[in-house]
C-alpha cells in the first residue's frame, strides 16, 4: 500500500509542476504577442462563402464594437466575437490587436477598461 502513497504524491507533484509550467508558457506567449510588431499578414478567418468573407481579428473587433456602441472590455469583446462569428479568440491574442487599433490605427480609445470606437473614425 505504501507504493500507492508514493505514486499519488509524485503524481500530485507533477500535476503542480505542470500547472506552473502551463501558466509560465501562457505568460511567455502573451509577452511575445504584445512585443510582436504589427504585420500585414495577420491571421484571417474564412466566414461564410464568396468574396469578402475573410476577416481579421481587427475587422471583427471593429464590427462588434460598431454593433455594441456602449463600449466593451476585453472579455465582452471575446464574447461578442464568439456570438457574432462563432470564433474563439484568446485574450492573449486579442490584447495586442486592441493596442494596435488604438495606437497605430487610431480607431479605438480605452476608457478605464472599456474599448470604444473613436466616433469620427468609424469606418
PDB file of N, CA and C in Angstrom:
ATOM      1  N   UNK A   1       0.819  -1.198   0.000  1.00  0.00           N
ATOM      2  CA  UNK A   1       0.000   0.000   0.000  1.00  0.00           C
ATOM      3  C   UNK A   1       0.865   1.266   0.000  1.00  0.00           C
ATOM      4  N   UNK A   2       2.053   1.218   0.540  1.00  0.00           N
ATOM      5  CA  UNK A   2       2.925   2.359   0.628  1.00  0.00           C
ATOM      6  C   UNK A   2       3.302   2.877  -0.754  1.00  0.00           C
ATOM      7  N   UNK A   3       3.410   1.973  -1.725  1.00  0.00           N
ATOM      8  CA  UNK A   3       3.760   2.382  -3.087  1.00  0.00           C
ATOM      9  C   UNK A   3       2.684   3.288  -3.673  1.00  0.00           C
ATOM     10  N   UNK A   4       1.406   3.071  -3.320  1.00  0.00           N
ATOM     11  CA  UNK A   4       0.324   3.921  -3.800  1.00  0.00           C
ATOM     12  C   UNK A   4       0.455   5.343  -3.274  1.00  0.00           C
ATOM     13  N   UNK A   5       0.825   5.482  -2.018  1.00  0.00           N
ATOM     14  CA  UNK A   5       1.025   6.812  -1.438  1.00  0.00           C
ATOM     15  C   UNK A   5       2.176   7.519  -2.142  1.00  0.00           C
ATOM     16  N   UNK A   6       3.230   6.788  -2.424  1.00  0.00           N
ATOM     17  CA  UNK A   6       4.378   7.360  -3.120  1.00  0.00           C
ATOM     18  C   UNK A   6       3.989   7.805  -4.521  1.00  0.00           C
ATOM     19  N   UNK A   7       3.257   6.946  -5.227  1.00  0.00           N
ATOM     20  CA  UNK A   7       2.827   7.289  -6.588  1.00  0.00           C
ATOM     21  C   UNK A   7       1.848   8.461  -6.582  1.00  0.00           C
ATOM     22  N   UNK A   8       0.912   8.471  -5.639  1.00  0.00           N
ATOM     23  CA  UNK A   8      -0.028   9.583  -5.524  1.00  0.00           C
ATOM     24  C   UNK A   8       0.698  10.890  -5.238  1.00  0.00           C
ATOM     25  N   UNK A   9       1.664  10.831  -4.365  1.00  0.00           N
ATOM     26  CA  UNK A   9       2.429  12.019  -4.016  1.00  0.00           C
ATOM     27  C   UNK A   9       3.198  12.539  -5.227  1.00  0.00           C
ATOM     28  N   UNK A  10       3.829  11.641  -5.945  1.00  0.00           N
ATOM     29  CA  UNK A  10       4.597  12.046  -7.127  1.00  0.00           C
ATOM     30  C   UNK A  10       3.675  12.584  -8.212  1.00  0.00           C
ATOM     31  N   UNK A  11       2.512  11.960  -8.377  1.00  0.00           N
ATOM     32  CA  UNK A  11       1.529  12.435  -9.352  1.00  0.00           C
ATOM     33  C   UNK A  11       1.101  13.865  -9.014  1.00  0.00           C
ATOM     34  N   UNK A  12       0.850  14.143  -7.754  1.00  0.00           N
ATOM     35  CA  UNK A  12       0.460  15.485  -7.324  1.00  0.00           C
ATOM     36  C   UNK A  12       1.571  16.491  -7.603  1.00  0.00           C
ATOM     37  N   UNK A  13       2.806  16.109  -7.339  1.00  0.00           N
ATOM     38  CA  UNK A  13       3.945  16.992  -7.607  1.00  0.00           C
ATOM     39  C   UNK A  13       4.051  17.328  -9.091  1.00  0.00           C
ATOM     40  N   UNK A  14       3.884  16.322  -9.922  1.00  0.00           N
ATOM     41  CA  UNK A  14       3.991  16.521 -11.372  1.00  0.00           C
ATOM     42  C   UNK A  14       2.855  17.403 -11.873  1.00  0.00           C
ATOM     43  N   UNK A  15       1.637  17.177 -11.381  1.00  0.00           N
ATOM     44  CA  UNK A  15       0.497  17.992 -11.796  1.00  0.00           C
ATOM     45  C   UNK A  15       0.695  19.448 -11.377  1.00  0.00           C
ATOM     46  N   UNK A  16       1.240  19.664 -10.190  1.00  0.00           N
ATOM     47  CA  UNK A  16       1.507  21.025  -9.724  1.00  0.00           C
ATOM     48  C   UNK A  16       2.557  21.684 -10.613  1.00  0.00           C
ATOM     49  N   UNK A  17       3.610  20.978 -10.914  1.00  0.00           N
ATOM     50  CA  UNK A  17       4.657  21.497 -11.787  1.00  0.00           C
ATOM     51  C   UNK A  17       4.108  21.772 -13.186  1.00  0.00           C
ATOM     52  N   UNK A  18       3.271  20.890 -13.681  1.00  0.00           N
ATOM     53  CA  UNK A  18       2.668  21.065 -14.995  1.00  0.00           C
ATOM     54  C   UNK A  18       1.824  22.343 -15.022  1.00  0.00           C
ATOM     55  N   UNK A  19       1.036  22.584 -13.989  1.00  0.00           N
ATOM     56  CA  UNK A  19       0.211  23.794 -13.921  1.00  0.00           C
ATOM     57  C   UNK A  19       1.087  25.043 -13.910  1.00  0.00           C
ATOM     58  N   UNK A  20       2.181  24.992 -13.170  1.00  0.00           N
ATOM     59  CA  UNK A  20       3.103  26.130 -13.121  1.00  0.00           C
ATOM     60  C   UNK A  20       3.717  26.398 -14.494  1.00  0.00           C
ATOM     61  N   UNK A  21       4.128  25.326 -15.169  1.00  0.00           N
ATOM     62  CA  UNK A  21       4.733  25.468 -16.490  1.00  0.00           C
ATOM     63  C   UNK A  21       3.722  25.982 -17.523  1.00  0.00           C
ATOM     64  N   UNK A  22       2.481  25.511 -17.447  1.00  0.00           N
ATOM     65  CA  UNK A  22       1.453  25.983 -18.369  1.00  0.00           C
ATOM     66  C   UNK A  22       1.199  27.470 -18.176  1.00  0.00           C
ATOM     67  N   UNK A  23       1.158  27.925 -16.920  1.00  0.00           N
ATOM     68  CA  UNK A  23       0.967  29.350 -16.653  1.00  0.00           C
ATOM     69  C   UNK A  23       2.149  30.161 -17.169  1.00  0.00           C
ATOM     70  N   UNK A  24       3.350  29.663 -16.957  1.00  0.00           N
ATOM     71  CA  UNK A  24       4.536  30.365 -17.440  1.00  0.00           C
ATOM     72  C   UNK A  24       4.526  30.446 -18.963  1.00  0.00           C
ATOM     73  N   UNK A  25       4.116  29.365 -19.619  1.00  0.00           N
ATOM     74  CA  UNK A  25       4.030  29.372 -21.074  1.00  0.00           C
ATOM     75  C   UNK A  25       3.004  30.394 -21.556  1.00  0.00           C
ATOM     76  N   UNK A  26       1.856  30.473 -20.902  1.00  0.00           N
ATOM     77  CA  UNK A  26       0.845  31.475 -21.258  1.00  0.00           C
ATOM     78  C   UNK A  26       1.415  32.878 -21.114  1.00  0.00           C
ATOM     79  N   UNK A  27       2.142  33.128 -20.034  1.00  0.00           N
ATOM     80  CA  UNK A  27       2.748  34.439 -19.817  1.00  0.00           C
ATOM     81  C   UNK A  27       3.759  34.768 -20.910  1.00  0.00           C
ATOM     82  N   UNK A  28       4.559  33.791 -21.295  1.00  0.00           N
ATOM     83  CA  UNK A  28       5.556  33.991 -22.350  1.00  0.00           C
ATOM     84  C   UNK A  28       4.867  34.292 -23.679  1.00  0.00           C
ATOM     85  N   UNK A  29       3.837  33.538 -24.013  1.00  0.00           N
ATOM     86  CA  UNK A  29       3.123  33.758 -25.271  1.00  0.00           C
ATOM     87  C   UNK A  29       2.451  35.124 -25.287  1.00  0.00           C
ATOM     88  N   UNK A  30       1.893  35.539 -24.154  1.00  0.00           N
ATOM     89  CA  UNK A  30       1.265  36.861 -24.070  1.00  0.00           C
ATOM     90  C   UNK A  30       2.311  37.950 -24.254  1.00  0.00           C
ATOM     91  N   UNK A  31       3.473  37.790 -23.640  1.00  0.00           N
ATOM     92  CA  UNK A  31       4.538  38.774 -23.770  1.00  0.00           C
ATOM     93  C   UNK A  31       5.030  38.846 -25.221  1.00  0.00           C
ATOM     94  N   UNK A  32       5.198  37.703 -25.852  1.00  0.00           N
ATOM     95  CA  UNK A  32       5.645  37.681 -27.241  1.00  0.00           C
ATOM     96  C   UNK A  32       4.617  38.340 -28.153  1.00  0.00           C
ATOM     97  N   UNK A  33       3.332  38.081 -27.911  1.00  0.00           N
ATOM     98  CA  UNK A  33       2.283  38.677 -28.735  1.00  0.00           C
ATOM     99  C   UNK A  33       2.272  40.193 -28.564  1.00  0.00           C
ATOM    100  N   UNK A  34       2.468  40.655 -27.342  1.00  0.00           N
ATOM    101  CA  UNK A  34       2.477  42.096 -27.088  1.00  0.00           C
ATOM    102  C   UNK A  34       3.690  42.768 -27.714  1.00  0.00           C
ATOM    103  N   UNK A  35       4.802  42.061 -27.812  1.00  0.00           N
ATOM    104  CA  UNK A  35       6.028  42.631 -28.347  1.00  0.00           C
ATOM    105  C   UNK A  35       6.155  42.488 -29.856  1.00  0.00           C
ATOM    106  N   UNK A  36       5.337  41.637 -30.441  1.00  0.00           N
ATOM    107  CA  UNK A  36       5.492  41.399 -31.875  1.00  0.00           C
ATOM    108  C   UNK A  36       5.076  42.643 -32.654  1.00  0.00           C
ATOM    109  N   UNK A  37       5.829  42.970 -33.686  1.00  0.00           N
ATOM    110  CA  UNK A  37       5.493  44.155 -34.481  1.00  0.00           C
ATOM    111  C   UNK A  37       4.225  43.922 -35.282  1.00  0.00           C
ATOM    112  N   UNK A  38       3.517  44.990 -35.634  1.00  0.00           N
ATOM    113  CA  UNK A  38       2.332  44.826 -36.473  1.00  0.00           C
ATOM    114  C   UNK A  38       2.719  44.151 -37.780  1.00  0.00           C
ATOM    115  N   UNK A  39       1.838  43.358 -38.287  1.00  0.00           N
ATOM    116  CA  UNK A  39       2.122  42.648 -39.520  1.00  0.00           C
ATOM    117  C   UNK A  39       0.936  42.736 -40.458  1.00  0.00           C
ATOM    118  N   UNK A  40       1.227  42.787 -41.739  1.00  0.00           N
ATOM    119  CA  UNK A  40       0.158  42.794 -42.729  1.00  0.00           C
ATOM    120  C   UNK A  40      -0.378  41.385 -42.942  1.00  0.00           C
ATOM    121  N   UNK A  41       0.314  40.409 -42.381  1.00  0.00           N
ATOM    122  CA  UNK A  41      -0.079  39.021 -42.569  1.00  0.00           C
ATOM    123  C   UNK A  41      -0.830  38.500 -41.358  1.00  0.00           C
ATOM    124  N   UNK A  42      -1.695  39.338 -40.791  1.00  0.00           N
ATOM    125  CA  UNK A  42      -2.479  38.903 -39.645  1.00  0.00           C
ATOM    126  C   UNK A  42      -3.379  37.743 -40.058  1.00  0.00           C
ATOM    127  N   UNK A  43      -3.595  36.845 -39.143  1.00  0.00           N
ATOM    128  CA  UNK A  43      -4.424  35.684 -39.427  1.00  0.00           C
ATOM    129  C   UNK A  43      -5.814  36.121 -39.856  1.00  0.00           C
ATOM    130  N   UNK A  44      -6.306  35.537 -40.926  1.00  0.00           N
ATOM    131  CA  UNK A  44      -7.662  35.824 -41.371  1.00  0.00           C
ATOM    132  C   UNK A  44      -8.515  34.592 -41.149  1.00  0.00           C
ATOM    133  N   UNK A  45      -9.796  34.828 -41.002  1.00  0.00           N
ATOM    134  CA  UNK A  45     -10.754  33.756 -40.780  1.00  0.00           C
ATOM    135  C   UNK A  45     -11.750  33.778 -41.923  1.00  0.00           C
ATOM    136  N   UNK A  46     -11.972  32.624 -42.497  1.00  0.00           N
ATOM    137  CA  UNK A  46     -12.945  32.493 -43.573  1.00  0.00           C
ATOM    138  C   UNK A  46     -14.311  32.339 -42.931  1.00  0.00           C
ATOM    139  N   UNK A  47     -15.190  33.276 -43.250  1.00  0.00           N
ATOM    140  CA  UNK A  47     -16.528  33.262 -42.679  1.00  0.00           C
ATOM    141  C   UNK A  47     -17.537  33.223 -43.814  1.00  0.00           C
ATOM    142  N   UNK A  48     -18.241  32.148 -43.930  1.00  0.00           N
ATOM    143  CA  UNK A  48     -19.245  32.048 -44.981  1.00  0.00           C
ATOM    144  C   UNK A  48     -18.619  31.767 -46.326  1.00  0.00           C
ATOM    145  N   UNK A  49     -19.363  32.115 -47.356  1.00  0.00           N
ATOM    146  CA  UNK A  49     -18.911  31.819 -48.711  1.00  0.00           C
ATOM    147  C   UNK A  49     -18.788  33.099 -49.516  1.00  0.00           C
ATOM    148  N   UNK A  50     -18.085  32.990 -50.582  1.00  0.00           N
ATOM    149  CA  UNK A  50     -17.994  34.102 -51.511  1.00  0.00           C
ATOM    150  C   UNK A  50     -16.874  35.062 -51.178  1.00  0.00           C
ATOM    151  N   UNK A  51     -16.775  36.074 -51.982  1.00  0.00           N
ATOM    152  CA  UNK A  51     -15.720  37.067 -51.817  1.00  0.00           C
ATOM    153  C   UNK A  51     -16.030  37.963 -50.631  1.00  0.00           C
ATOM    154  N   UNK A  52     -15.003  38.503 -50.085  1.00  0.00           N
ATOM    155  CA  UNK A  52     -15.189  39.433 -48.980  1.00  0.00           C
ATOM    156  C   UNK A  52     -15.622  38.765 -47.698  1.00  0.00           C
ATOM    157  N   UNK A  53     -15.445  37.462 -47.619  1.00  0.00           N
ATOM    158  CA  UNK A  53     -15.890  36.766 -46.411  1.00  0.00           C
ATOM    159  C   UNK A  53     -14.724  36.401 -45.501  1.00  0.00           C
ATOM    160  N   UNK A  54     -13.570  37.032 -45.718  1.00  0.00           N
ATOM    161  CA  UNK A  54     -12.425  36.822 -44.840  1.00  0.00           C
ATOM    162  C   UNK A  54     -12.279  38.028 -43.929  1.00  0.00           C
ATOM    163  N   UNK A  55     -12.102  37.758 -42.637  1.00  0.00           N
ATOM    164  CA  UNK A  55     -11.976  38.820 -41.655  1.00  0.00           C
ATOM    165  C   UNK A  55     -10.751  38.593 -40.794  1.00  0.00           C
ATOM    166  N   UNK A  56     -10.069  39.666 -40.457  1.00  0.00           N
ATOM    167  CA  UNK A  56      -9.013  39.578 -39.461  1.00  0.00           C
ATOM    168  C   UNK A  56      -9.649  39.783 -38.096  1.00  0.00           C
ATOM    169  N   UNK A  57      -8.887  39.515 -37.049  1.00  0.00           N
ATOM    170  CA  UNK A  57      -9.379  39.766 -35.696  1.00  0.00           C
ATOM    171  C   UNK A  57      -9.704  41.243 -35.551  1.00  0.00           C
ATOM    172  N   UNK A  58      -8.875  42.104 -36.122  1.00  0.00           N
ATOM    173  CA  UNK A  58      -9.127  43.535 -36.026  1.00  0.00           C
ATOM    174  C   UNK A  58     -10.438  43.910 -36.712  1.00  0.00           C
ATOM    175  N   UNK A  59     -10.734  43.305 -37.857  1.00  0.00           N
ATOM    176  CA  UNK A  59     -12.005  43.549 -38.541  1.00  0.00           C
ATOM    177  C   UNK A  59     -13.176  43.151 -37.637  1.00  0.00           C
ATOM    178  N   UNK A  60     -13.036  41.993 -36.995  1.00  0.00           N
ATOM    179  CA  UNK A  60     -14.112  41.507 -36.138  1.00  0.00           C
ATOM    180  C   UNK A  60     -14.321  42.430 -34.937  1.00  0.00           C
ATOM    181  N   UNK A  61     -13.221  42.931 -34.361  1.00  0.00           N
ATOM    182  CA  UNK A  61     -13.325  43.860 -33.226  1.00  0.00           C
ATOM    183  C   UNK A  61     -14.095  45.103 -33.646  1.00  0.00           C
ATOM    184  N   UNK A  62     -13.719  45.673 -34.770  1.00  0.00           N
ATOM    185  CA  UNK A  62     -14.395  46.880 -35.244  1.00  0.00           C
ATOM    186  C   UNK A  62     -15.870  46.613 -35.481  1.00  0.00           C
ATOM    187  N   UNK A  63     -16.183  45.493 -36.118  1.00  0.00           N
ATOM    188  CA  UNK A  63     -17.580  45.176 -36.412  1.00  0.00           C
ATOM    189  C   UNK A  63     -18.416  44.965 -35.156  1.00  0.00           C
ATOM    190  N   UNK A  64     -17.871  44.265 -34.172  1.00  0.00           N
ATOM    191  CA  UNK A  64     -18.678  44.041 -32.966  1.00  0.00           C
ATOM    192  C   UNK A  64     -18.828  45.331 -32.174  1.00  0.00           C
ATOM    193  N   UNK A  65     -17.812  46.197 -32.181  1.00  0.00           N
ATOM    194  CA  UNK A  65     -17.940  47.473 -31.468  1.00  0.00           C
ATOM    195  C   UNK A  65     -18.876  48.434 -32.200  1.00  0.00           C
ATOM    196  N   UNK A  66     -18.975  48.312 -33.512  1.00  0.00           N
ATOM    197  CA  UNK A  66     -19.970  49.103 -34.247  1.00  0.00           C
ATOM    198  C   UNK A  66     -21.386  48.710 -33.814  1.00  0.00           C
ATOM    199  N   UNK A  67     -21.601  47.412 -33.645  1.00  0.00           N
ATOM    200  CA  UNK A  67     -22.911  46.918 -33.219  1.00  0.00           C
ATOM    201  C   UNK A  67     -23.173  47.197 -31.745  1.00  0.00           C
ATOM    202  N   UNK A  68     -22.130  47.210 -30.954  1.00  0.00           N
ATOM    203  CA  UNK A  68     -22.225  47.311 -29.499  1.00  0.00           C
ATOM    204  C   UNK A  68     -21.587  48.627 -29.092  1.00  0.00           C
ATOM    205  N   UNK A  69     -22.286  49.722 -29.332  1.00  0.00           N
ATOM    206  CA  UNK A  69     -21.660  51.038 -29.233  1.00  0.00           C
ATOM    207  C   UNK A  69     -21.537  51.591 -27.816  1.00  0.00           C
ATOM    208  N   UNK A  70     -21.826  50.801 -26.800  1.00  0.00           N
ATOM    209  CA  UNK A  70     -21.650  51.306 -25.440  1.00  0.00           C
ATOM    210  C   UNK A  70     -20.279  50.961 -24.871  1.00  0.00           C
ATOM    211  N   UNK A  71     -19.400  50.435 -25.690  1.00  0.00           N
ATOM    212  CA  UNK A  71     -18.071  50.071 -25.222  1.00  0.00           C
ATOM    213  C   UNK A  71     -18.073  48.692 -24.588  1.00  0.00           C
ATOM    214  N   UNK A  72     -16.923  48.051 -24.606  1.00  0.00           N
ATOM    215  CA  UNK A  72     -16.823  46.696 -24.070  1.00  0.00           C
ATOM    216  C   UNK A  72     -15.411  46.453 -23.565  1.00  0.00           C
ATOM    217  N   UNK A  73     -15.323  45.650 -22.501  1.00  0.00           N
ATOM    218  CA  UNK A  73     -13.996  45.273 -22.038  1.00  0.00           C
ATOM    219  C   UNK A  73     -13.516  44.073 -22.862  1.00  0.00           C
ATOM    220  N   UNK A  74     -12.298  43.660 -22.624  1.00  0.00           N
ATOM    221  CA  UNK A  74     -11.687  42.589 -23.422  1.00  0.00           C
ATOM    222  C   UNK A  74     -12.540  41.326 -23.394  1.00  0.00           C
ATOM    223  N   UNK A  75     -13.043  40.966 -22.222  1.00  0.00           N
ATOM    224  CA  UNK A  75     -13.804  39.723 -22.110  1.00  0.00           C
ATOM    225  C   UNK A  75     -15.154  39.833 -22.820  1.00  0.00           C
ATOM    226  N   UNK A  76     -15.763  41.009 -22.795  1.00  0.00           N
ATOM    227  CA  UNK A  76     -17.010  41.202 -23.542  1.00  0.00           C
ATOM    228  C   UNK A  76     -16.749  41.132 -25.042  1.00  0.00           C
ATOM    229  N   UNK A  77     -15.642  41.712 -25.487  1.00  0.00           N
ATOM    230  CA  UNK A  77     -15.309  41.663 -26.911  1.00  0.00           C
ATOM    231  C   UNK A  77     -15.121  40.212 -27.358  1.00  0.00           C
ATOM    232  N   UNK A  78     -14.459  39.417 -26.523  1.00  0.00           N
ATOM    233  CA  UNK A  78     -14.274  37.995 -26.839  1.00  0.00           C
ATOM    234  C   UNK A  78     -15.632  37.316 -26.981  1.00  0.00           C
ATOM    235  N   UNK A  79     -16.551  37.604 -26.046  1.00  0.00           N
ATOM    236  CA  UNK A  79     -17.893  37.001 -26.111  1.00  0.00           C
ATOM    237  C   UNK A  79     -18.668  37.494 -27.323  1.00  0.00           C
ATOM    238  N   UNK A  80     -18.546  38.778 -27.648  1.00  0.00           N
ATOM    239  CA  UNK A  80     -19.244  39.322 -28.810  1.00  0.00           C
ATOM    240  C   UNK A  80     -18.740  38.697 -30.105  1.00  0.00           C
ATOM    241  N   UNK A  81     -17.420  38.509 -30.217  1.00  0.00           N
ATOM    242  CA  UNK A  81     -16.854  37.856 -31.406  1.00  0.00           C
ATOM    243  C   UNK A  81     -17.338  36.416 -31.498  1.00  0.00           C
ATOM    244  N   UNK A  82     -17.351  35.720 -30.370  1.00  0.00           N
ATOM    245  CA  UNK A  82     -17.836  34.331 -30.349  1.00  0.00           C
ATOM    246  C   UNK A  82     -19.302  34.277 -30.780  1.00  0.00           C
ATOM    247  N   UNK A  83     -20.099  35.206 -30.250  1.00  0.00           N
ATOM    248  CA  UNK A  83     -21.522  35.227 -30.560  1.00  0.00           C
ATOM    249  C   UNK A  83     -21.777  35.561 -32.041  1.00  0.00           C
ATOM    250  N   UNK A  84     -21.069  36.556 -32.549  1.00  0.00           N
ATOM    251  CA  UNK A  84     -21.319  37.015 -33.921  1.00  0.00           C
ATOM    252  C   UNK A  84     -20.667  36.126 -34.977  1.00  0.00           C
ATOM    253  N   UNK A  85     -19.442  35.661 -34.699  1.00  0.00           N
ATOM    254  CA  UNK A  85     -18.676  34.942 -35.718  1.00  0.00           C
ATOM    255  C   UNK A  85     -18.451  33.463 -35.410  1.00  0.00           C
ATOM    256  N   UNK A  86     -18.749  33.051 -34.171  1.00  0.00           N
ATOM    257  CA  UNK A  86     -18.531  31.653 -33.804  1.00  0.00           C
ATOM    258  C   UNK A  86     -17.069  31.282 -33.661  1.00  0.00           C
ATOM    259  N   UNK A  87     -16.222  32.278 -33.387  1.00  0.00           N
ATOM    260  CA  UNK A  87     -14.782  32.053 -33.294  1.00  0.00           C
ATOM    261  C   UNK A  87     -14.317  32.372 -31.889  1.00  0.00           C
ATOM    262  N   UNK A  88     -13.516  31.476 -31.323  1.00  0.00           N
ATOM    263  CA  UNK A  88     -12.924  31.700 -30.006  1.00  0.00           C
ATOM    264  C   UNK A  88     -11.597  32.429 -30.177  1.00  0.00           C
ATOM    265  N   UNK A  89     -11.506  33.598 -29.579  1.00  0.00           N
ATOM    266  CA  UNK A  89     -10.276  34.377 -29.586  1.00  0.00           C
ATOM    267  C   UNK A  89      -9.726  34.388 -28.173  1.00  0.00           C
ATOM    268  N   UNK A  90      -8.459  34.135 -28.017  1.00  0.00           N
ATOM    269  CA  UNK A  90      -7.839  34.167 -26.693  1.00  0.00           C
ATOM    270  C   UNK A  90      -7.484  35.607 -26.326  1.00  0.00           C
ATOM    271  N   UNK A  91      -7.598  35.916 -25.056  1.00  0.00           N
ATOM    272  CA  UNK A  91      -7.279  37.258 -24.568  1.00  0.00           C
ATOM    273  C   UNK A  91      -5.854  37.643 -24.946  1.00  0.00           C
ATOM    274  N   UNK A  92      -4.941  36.682 -24.827  1.00  0.00           N
ATOM    275  CA  UNK A  92      -3.543  36.944 -25.143  1.00  0.00           C
ATOM    276  C   UNK A  92      -3.362  37.339 -26.605  1.00  0.00           C
ATOM    277  N   UNK A  93      -4.244  36.866 -27.464  1.00  0.00           N
ATOM    278  CA  UNK A  93      -4.189  37.192 -28.885  1.00  0.00           C
ATOM    279  C   UNK A  93      -4.908  38.506 -29.173  1.00  0.00           C
ATOM    280  N   UNK A  94      -5.951  38.797 -28.418  1.00  0.00           N
ATOM    281  CA  UNK A  94      -6.758  39.980 -28.671  1.00  0.00           C
ATOM    282  C   UNK A  94      -6.106  41.267 -28.170  1.00  0.00           C
ATOM    283  N   UNK A  95      -5.507  41.225 -27.007  1.00  0.00           N
ATOM    284  CA  UNK A  95      -4.969  42.448 -26.391  1.00  0.00           C
ATOM    285  C   UNK A  95      -3.989  43.211 -27.284  1.00  0.00           C
ATOM    286  N   UNK A  96      -3.020  42.549 -27.935  1.00  0.00           N
ATOM    287  CA  UNK A  96      -2.115  43.304 -28.804  1.00  0.00           C
ATOM    288  C   UNK A  96      -2.835  43.940 -29.994  1.00  0.00           C
ATOM    289  N   UNK A  97      -3.862  43.290 -30.478  1.00  0.00           N
ATOM    290  CA  UNK A  97      -4.603  43.835 -31.622  1.00  0.00           C
ATOM    291  C   UNK A  97      -5.403  45.065 -31.205  1.00  0.00           C
ATOM    292  N   UNK A  98      -5.961  45.030 -29.992  1.00  0.00           N
ATOM    293  CA  UNK A  98      -6.657  46.213 -29.486  1.00  0.00           C
ATOM    294  C   UNK A  98      -5.683  47.384 -29.361  1.00  0.00           C
ATOM    295  N   UNK A  99      -4.498  47.085 -28.854  1.00  0.00           N
ATOM    296  CA  UNK A  99      -3.488  48.140 -28.715  1.00  0.00           C
ATOM    297  C   UNK A  99      -3.094  48.707 -30.073  1.00  0.00           C
ATOM    298  N   UNK A 100      -2.963  47.849 -31.076  1.00  0.00           N
ATOM    299  CA  UNK A 100      -2.617  48.335 -32.418  1.00  0.00           C
ATOM    300  C   UNK A 100      -3.724  49.203 -32.995  1.00  0.00           C
ATOM    301  N   UNK A 101      -4.976  48.795 -32.779  1.00  0.00           N
ATOM    302  CA  UNK A 101      -6.092  49.604 -33.265  1.00  0.00           C
ATOM    303  C   UNK A 101      -6.133  50.964 -32.572  1.00  0.00           C
ATOM    304  N   UNK A 102      -5.670  51.003 -31.340  1.00  0.00           N
ATOM    305  CA  UNK A 102      -5.629  52.262 -30.585  1.00  0.00           C
ATOM    306  C   UNK A 102      -4.415  53.099 -30.977  1.00  0.00           C
ATOM    307  N   UNK A 103      -3.245  52.509 -30.914  1.00  0.00           N
ATOM    308  CA  UNK A 103      -2.001  53.269 -31.072  1.00  0.00           C
ATOM    309  C   UNK A 103      -1.603  53.508 -32.527  1.00  0.00           C
ATOM    310  N   UNK A 104      -1.738  52.505 -33.361  1.00  0.00           N
ATOM    311  CA  UNK A 104      -1.285  52.624 -34.748  1.00  0.00           C
ATOM    312  C   UNK A 104      -2.382  53.147 -35.671  1.00  0.00           C
ATOM    313  N   UNK A 105      -3.550  52.565 -35.578  1.00  0.00           N
ATOM    314  CA  UNK A 105      -4.637  52.904 -36.497  1.00  0.00           C
ATOM    315  C   UNK A 105      -5.519  54.037 -35.986  1.00  0.00           C
ATOM    316  N   UNK A 106      -5.423  54.339 -34.701  1.00  0.00           N
ATOM    317  CA  UNK A 106      -6.206  55.420 -34.082  1.00  0.00           C
ATOM    318  C   UNK A 106      -7.714  55.218 -34.279  1.00  0.00           C
ATOM    319  N   UNK A 107      -8.162  53.962 -34.233  1.00  0.00           N
ATOM    320  CA  UNK A 107      -9.583  53.658 -34.388  1.00  0.00           C
ATOM    321  C   UNK A 107     -10.283  53.420 -33.056  1.00  0.00           C
ATOM    322  N   UNK A 108      -9.518  53.086 -32.023  1.00  0.00           N
ATOM    323  CA  UNK A 108     -10.102  52.788 -30.723  1.00  0.00           C
ATOM    324  C   UNK A 108      -9.533  53.711 -29.665  1.00  0.00           C
ATOM    325  N   UNK A 109     -10.328  53.860 -28.605  1.00  0.00           N
ATOM    326  CA  UNK A 109      -9.820  54.524 -27.411  1.00  0.00           C
ATOM    327  C   UNK A 109     -10.209  53.666 -26.212  1.00  0.00           C
ATOM    328  N   UNK A 110      -9.395  53.753 -25.190  1.00  0.00           N
ATOM    329  CA  UNK A 110      -9.593  52.973 -23.978  1.00  0.00           C
ATOM    330  C   UNK A 110      -9.996  53.938 -22.873  1.00  0.00           C
ATOM    331  N   UNK A 111     -11.176  53.680 -22.300  1.00  0.00           N
ATOM    332  CA  UNK A 111     -11.665  54.475 -21.166  1.00  0.00           C
ATOM    333  C   UNK A 111     -11.827  53.521 -19.993  1.00  0.00           C
ATOM    334  N   UNK A 112     -10.889  53.613 -19.052  1.00  0.00           N
ATOM    335  CA  UNK A 112     -10.878  52.632 -17.964  1.00  0.00           C
ATOM    336  C   UNK A 112     -10.497  51.291 -18.540  1.00  0.00           C
ATOM    337  N   UNK A 113     -11.401  50.324 -18.445  1.00  0.00           N
ATOM    338  CA  UNK A 113     -11.145  49.012 -19.039  1.00  0.00           C
ATOM    339  C   UNK A 113     -12.045  48.758 -20.253  1.00  0.00           C
ATOM    340  N   UNK A 114     -12.741  49.810 -20.726  1.00  0.00           N
ATOM    341  CA  UNK A 114     -13.670  49.652 -21.837  1.00  0.00           C
ATOM    342  C   UNK A 114     -13.099  50.262 -23.121  1.00  0.00           C
ATOM    343  N   UNK A 115     -13.239  49.495 -24.204  1.00  0.00           N
ATOM    344  CA  UNK A 115     -12.778  49.915 -25.518  1.00  0.00           C
ATOM    345  C   UNK A 115     -13.948  50.492 -26.296  1.00  0.00           C
ATOM    346  N   UNK A 116     -13.694  51.620 -26.970  1.00  0.00           N
ATOM    347  CA  UNK A 116     -14.705  52.291 -27.779  1.00  0.00           C
ATOM    348  C   UNK A 116     -14.113  52.635 -29.134  1.00  0.00           C
ATOM    349  N   UNK A 117     -14.970  52.579 -30.172  1.00  0.00           N
ATOM    350  CA  UNK A 117     -14.554  53.127 -31.457  1.00  0.00           C
ATOM    351  C   UNK A 117     -14.529  54.638 -31.322  1.00  0.00           C
ATOM    352  N   UNK A 118     -13.552  55.272 -31.924  1.00  0.00           N
ATOM    353  CA  UNK A 118     -13.495  56.726 -31.911  1.00  0.00           C
ATOM    354  C   UNK A 118     -14.536  57.204 -32.930  1.00  0.00           C
ATOM    355  N   UNK A 119     -15.527  57.991 -32.494  1.00  0.00           N
ATOM    356  CA  UNK A 119     -16.671  58.327 -33.368  1.00  0.00           C
ATOM    357  C   UNK A 119     -16.296  58.904 -34.727  1.00  0.00           C
ATOM    358  N   UNK A 120     -15.374  59.838 -34.785  1.00  0.00           N
ATOM    359  CA  UNK A 120     -15.037  60.445 -36.056  1.00  0.00           C
ATOM    360  C   UNK A 120     -14.289  59.495 -36.979  1.00  0.00           C
ATOM    361  N   UNK A 121     -13.827  58.364 -36.456  1.00  0.00           N
ATOM    362  CA  UNK A 121     -13.038  57.428 -37.260  1.00  0.00           C
ATOM    363  C   UNK A 121     -13.797  56.151 -37.573  1.00  0.00           C
ATOM    364  N   UNK A 122     -15.105  56.089 -37.246  1.00  0.00           N
ATOM    365  CA  UNK A 122     -15.838  54.868 -37.542  1.00  0.00           C
ATOM    366  C   UNK A 122     -15.783  54.607 -39.043  1.00  0.00           C
ATOM    367  N   UNK A 123     -15.454  53.373 -39.431  1.00  0.00           N
ATOM    368  CA  UNK A 123     -15.359  53.058 -40.866  1.00  0.00           C
ATOM    369  C   UNK A 123     -16.717  53.070 -41.542  1.00  0.00           C
TER     370      UNK A 123
END
